[in-house]
Amino acid sequence: MDYAIVASLKLAKETEEQLSQIREDLQPSPHSPQHLDLRSRVGQLTEQVADYTGRPAAAQEEYLGVFQGELDQVEGPLNSVIRGQLGPLNARFAADHVPYISPHTALVPDSR
């Protein structure tokens, strides 16, 4: 077996595991209550304040601060994957003529 492909697959698996953990905090399965579940919680708050022109209630403002802190906890690891493994992984994919993974066009290898 080609060692470059094996290395690419290993890096892809590691990246997938890291992204899976991040996804669990954004939108966990119903059987994982220990995760943040930011998507639904922020969505519920958005529904509460949508189309309301007045000032948010004190509790809503407090939740905004809590959600921002929790989002920061998720954003750090996500940015770490994007800045770290994703570039080299995409370069390996390009060399092997495999579709790349990109949250942003700056990470797409020029060889495509």
C-alpha atoms as a PDB file:
ATOM      1  CA  MET A   1       0.000   0.000   0.000  1.00  0.00           C
ATOM      2  CA  ASP A   2       1.193   3.536  -0.765  1.00  0.00           C
ATOM      3  CA  TYR A   3       2.520   5.118   2.454  1.00  0.00           C
ATOM      4  CA  ALA A   4       1.454   8.612   1.327  1.00  0.00           C
ATOM      5  CA  ILE A   5      -2.143   7.458   1.055  1.00  0.00           C
ATOM      6  CA  VAL A   6      -1.940   5.743   4.449  1.00  0.00           C
ATOM      7  CA  ALA A   7      -0.574   8.965   5.974  1.00  0.00           C
ATOM      8  CA  SER A   8      -3.351  10.973   4.300  1.00  0.00           C
ATOM      9  CA  LEU A   9      -5.988   8.594   5.631  1.00  0.00           C
ATOM     10  CA  LYS A  10      -4.540   8.773   9.135  1.00  0.00           C
ATOM     11  CA  LEU A  11      -4.519  12.574   9.082  1.00  0.00           C
ATOM     12  CA  ALA A  12      -8.061  12.600   7.681  1.00  0.00           C
ATOM     13  CA  LYS A  13      -9.253  10.301  10.480  1.00  0.00           C
ATOM     14  CA  GLU A  14      -7.631  12.493  13.145  1.00  0.00           C
ATOM     15  CA  THR A  15      -9.192  15.608  11.618  1.00  0.00           C
ATOM     16  CA  GLU A  16     -12.594  13.921  11.422  1.00  0.00           C
ATOM     17  CA  GLU A  17     -12.411  12.966  15.106  1.00  0.00           C
ATOM     18  CA  GLN A  18     -11.535  16.516  16.136  1.00  0.00           C
ATOM     19  CA  LEU A  19     -14.303  18.014  14.008  1.00  0.00           C
ATOM     20  CA  SER A  20     -16.768  15.461  15.356  1.00  0.00           C
ATOM     21  CA  GLN A  21     -16.057  16.598  18.918  1.00  0.00           C
ATOM     22  CA  ILE A  22     -16.607  20.226  17.898  1.00  0.00           C
ATOM     23  CA  ARG A  23     -19.857  19.337  16.128  1.00  0.00           C
ATOM     24  CA  GLU A  24     -21.092  17.631  19.290  1.00  0.00           C
ATOM     25  CA  ASP A  25     -20.854  20.949  21.143  1.00  0.00           C
ATOM     26  CA  LEU A  26     -22.668  22.791  18.379  1.00  0.00           C
ATOM     27  CA  GLN A  27     -25.398  20.224  17.767  1.00  0.00           C
ATOM     28  CA  PRO A  28     -25.135  17.064  19.879  1.00  0.00           C
ATOM     29  CA  SER A  29     -27.240  13.953  19.592  1.00  0.00           C
ATOM     30  CA  PRO A  30     -30.153  13.727  22.044  1.00  0.00           C
ATOM     31  CA  HIS A  31     -28.172  11.124  23.969  1.00  0.00           C
ATOM     32  CA  SER A  32     -25.326  13.543  24.754  1.00  0.00           C
ATOM     33  CA  PRO A  33     -26.707  16.075  27.258  1.00  0.00           C
ATOM     34  CA  GLN A  34     -23.195  16.896  28.517  1.00  0.00           C
ATOM     35  CA  HIS A  35     -22.433  18.881  25.344  1.00  0.00           C
ATOM     36  CA  LEU A  36     -23.183  22.576  24.912  1.00  0.00           C
ATOM     37  CA  ASP A  37     -25.931  22.284  22.227  1.00  0.00           C
ATOM     38  CA  LEU A  38     -25.288  25.835  21.107  1.00  0.00           C
ATOM     39  CA  ARG A  39     -27.315  25.613  17.921  1.00  0.00           C
ATOM     40  CA  SER A  40     -30.661  24.938  19.551  1.00  0.00           C
ATOM     41  CA  ARG A  41     -30.054  27.195  22.559  1.00  0.00           C
ATOM     42  CA  VAL A  42     -29.044  30.171  20.427  1.00  0.00           C
ATOM     43  CA  GLY A  43     -31.930  29.386  18.058  1.00  0.00           C
ATOM     44  CA  GLN A  44     -34.401  29.506  20.946  1.00  0.00           C
ATOM     45  CA  LEU A  45     -33.048  32.849  22.102  1.00  0.00           C
ATOM     46  CA  THR A  46     -33.218  34.190  18.544  1.00  0.00           C
ATOM     47  CA  GLU A  47     -36.888  33.171  18.310  1.00  0.00           C
ATOM     48  CA  GLN A  48     -37.599  34.990  21.575  1.00  0.00           C
ATOM     49  CA  VAL A  49     -36.145  38.294  20.406  1.00  0.00           C
ATOM     50  CA  ALA A  50     -36.830  38.146  16.652  1.00  0.00           C
ATOM     51  CA  ASP A  51     -38.884  41.073  15.354  1.00  0.00           C
ATOM     52  CA  TYR A  52     -38.944  42.658  18.802  1.00  0.00           C
ATOM     53  CA  THR A  53     -37.827  46.283  18.680  1.00  0.00           C
ATOM     54  CA  GLY A  54     -37.473  46.756  22.428  1.00  0.00           C
ATOM     55  CA  ARG A  55     -34.513  46.125  24.669  1.00  0.00           C
ATOM     56  CA  PRO A  56     -33.766  42.463  25.543  1.00  0.00           C
ATOM     57  CA  ALA A  57     -34.686  41.350  29.038  1.00  0.00           C
ATOM     58  CA  ALA A  58     -31.867  41.148  31.583  1.00  0.00           C
ATOM     59  CA  ALA A  59     -31.931  37.347  31.468  1.00  0.00           C
ATOM     60  CA  GLN A  60     -31.681  37.394  27.666  1.00  0.00           C
ATOM     61  CA  GLU A  61     -28.671  39.701  27.830  1.00  0.00           C
ATOM     62  CA  GLU A  62     -27.097  37.400  30.392  1.00  0.00           C
ATOM     63  CA  TYR A  63     -27.665  34.412  28.096  1.00  0.00           C
ATOM     64  CA  LEU A  64     -25.988  36.298  25.252  1.00  0.00           C
ATOM     65  CA  GLY A  65     -22.872  36.600  27.389  1.00  0.00           C
ATOM     66  CA  VAL A  66     -23.001  32.943  28.397  1.00  0.00           C
ATOM     67  CA  PHE A  67     -23.483  31.813  24.802  1.00  0.00           C
ATOM     68  CA  GLN A  68     -20.611  34.018  23.640  1.00  0.00           C
ATOM     69  CA  GLY A  69     -18.307  32.385  26.178  1.00  0.00           C
ATOM     70  CA  GLU A  70     -19.435  28.914  25.123  1.00  0.00           C
ATOM     71  CA  LEU A  71     -19.008  29.806  21.457  1.00  0.00           C
ATOM     72  CA  ASP A  72     -15.476  30.971  22.209  1.00  0.00           C
ATOM     73  CA  GLN A  73     -14.798  27.536  23.768  1.00  0.00           C
ATOM     74  CA  VAL A  74     -15.856  25.862  20.507  1.00  0.00           C
ATOM     75  CA  GLU A  75     -14.314  28.424  18.159  1.00  0.00           C
ATOM     76  CA  GLY A  76     -10.786  27.961  19.519  1.00  0.00           C
ATOM     77  CA  PRO A  77     -10.547  24.233  18.723  1.00  0.00           C
ATOM     78  CA  LEU A  78     -12.263  24.754  15.366  1.00  0.00           C
ATOM     79  CA  ASN A  79      -9.808  27.460  14.356  1.00  0.00           C
ATOM     80  CA  SER A  80      -6.981  25.233  15.535  1.00  0.00           C
ATOM     81  CA  VAL A  81      -8.086  22.489  13.133  1.00  0.00           C
ATOM     82  CA  ILE A  82      -8.574  24.972  10.296  1.00  0.00           C
ATOM     83  CA  ARG A  83      -5.170  26.625  10.789  1.00  0.00           C
ATOM     84  CA  GLY A  84      -3.389  23.383  11.636  1.00  0.00           C
ATOM     85  CA  GLN A  85      -4.303  20.101  10.018  1.00  0.00           C
ATOM     86  CA  LEU A  86      -6.717  21.205   7.318  1.00  0.00           C
ATOM     87  CA  GLY A  87      -4.130  22.885   5.079  1.00  0.00           C
ATOM     88  CA  PRO A  88      -1.717  19.920   5.002  1.00  0.00           C
ATOM     89  CA  LEU A  89      -4.622  17.496   4.666  1.00  0.00           C
ATOM     90  CA  ASN A  90      -5.968  19.392   1.675  1.00  0.00           C
ATOM     91  CA  ALA A  91      -2.492  19.466   0.126  1.00  0.00           C
ATOM     92  CA  ARG A  92      -2.286  15.672   0.476  1.00  0.00           C
ATOM     93  CA  PHE A  93      -5.747  15.302  -1.001  1.00  0.00           C
ATOM     94  CA  ALA A  94      -4.756  17.499  -3.942  1.00  0.00           C
ATOM     95  CA  ALA A  95      -1.639  15.405  -4.542  1.00  0.00           C
ATOM     96  CA  ASP A  96      -3.793  12.262  -4.523  1.00  0.00           C
ATOM     97  CA  HIS A  97      -6.513  13.921  -6.672  1.00  0.00           C
ATOM     98  CA  VAL A  98      -9.097  13.578  -3.896  1.00  0.00           C
ATOM     99  CA  PRO A  99     -11.677  16.339  -3.214  1.00  0.00           C
ATOM    100  CA  TYR A 100     -10.510  18.761  -0.532  1.00  0.00           C
ATOM    101  CA  ILE A 101     -12.244  20.029   2.598  1.00  0.00           C
ATOM    102  CA  SER A 102     -12.506  23.777   2.864  1.00  0.00           C
ATOM    103  CA  PRO A 103     -14.418  26.190   5.067  1.00  0.00           C
ATOM    104  CA  HIS A 104     -12.739  29.037   3.196  1.00  0.00           C
ATOM    105  CA  THR A 105     -11.309  29.433  -0.291  1.00  0.00           C
ATOM    106  CA  ALA A 106      -7.920  30.536   1.087  1.00  0.00           C
ATOM    107  CA  LEU A 107      -7.354  26.950   2.254  1.00  0.00           C
ATOM    108  CA  VAL A 108      -7.964  25.381  -1.164  1.00  0.00           C
ATOM    109  CA  PRO A 109      -4.674  24.258  -2.721  1.00  0.00           C
ATOM    110  CA  ASP A 110      -3.698  26.161  -5.876  1.00  0.00           C
ATOM    111  CA  SER A 111      -3.046  22.951  -7.780  1.00  0.00           C
ATOM    112  CA  ARG A 112      -6.771  22.378  -8.376  1.00  0.00           C
END
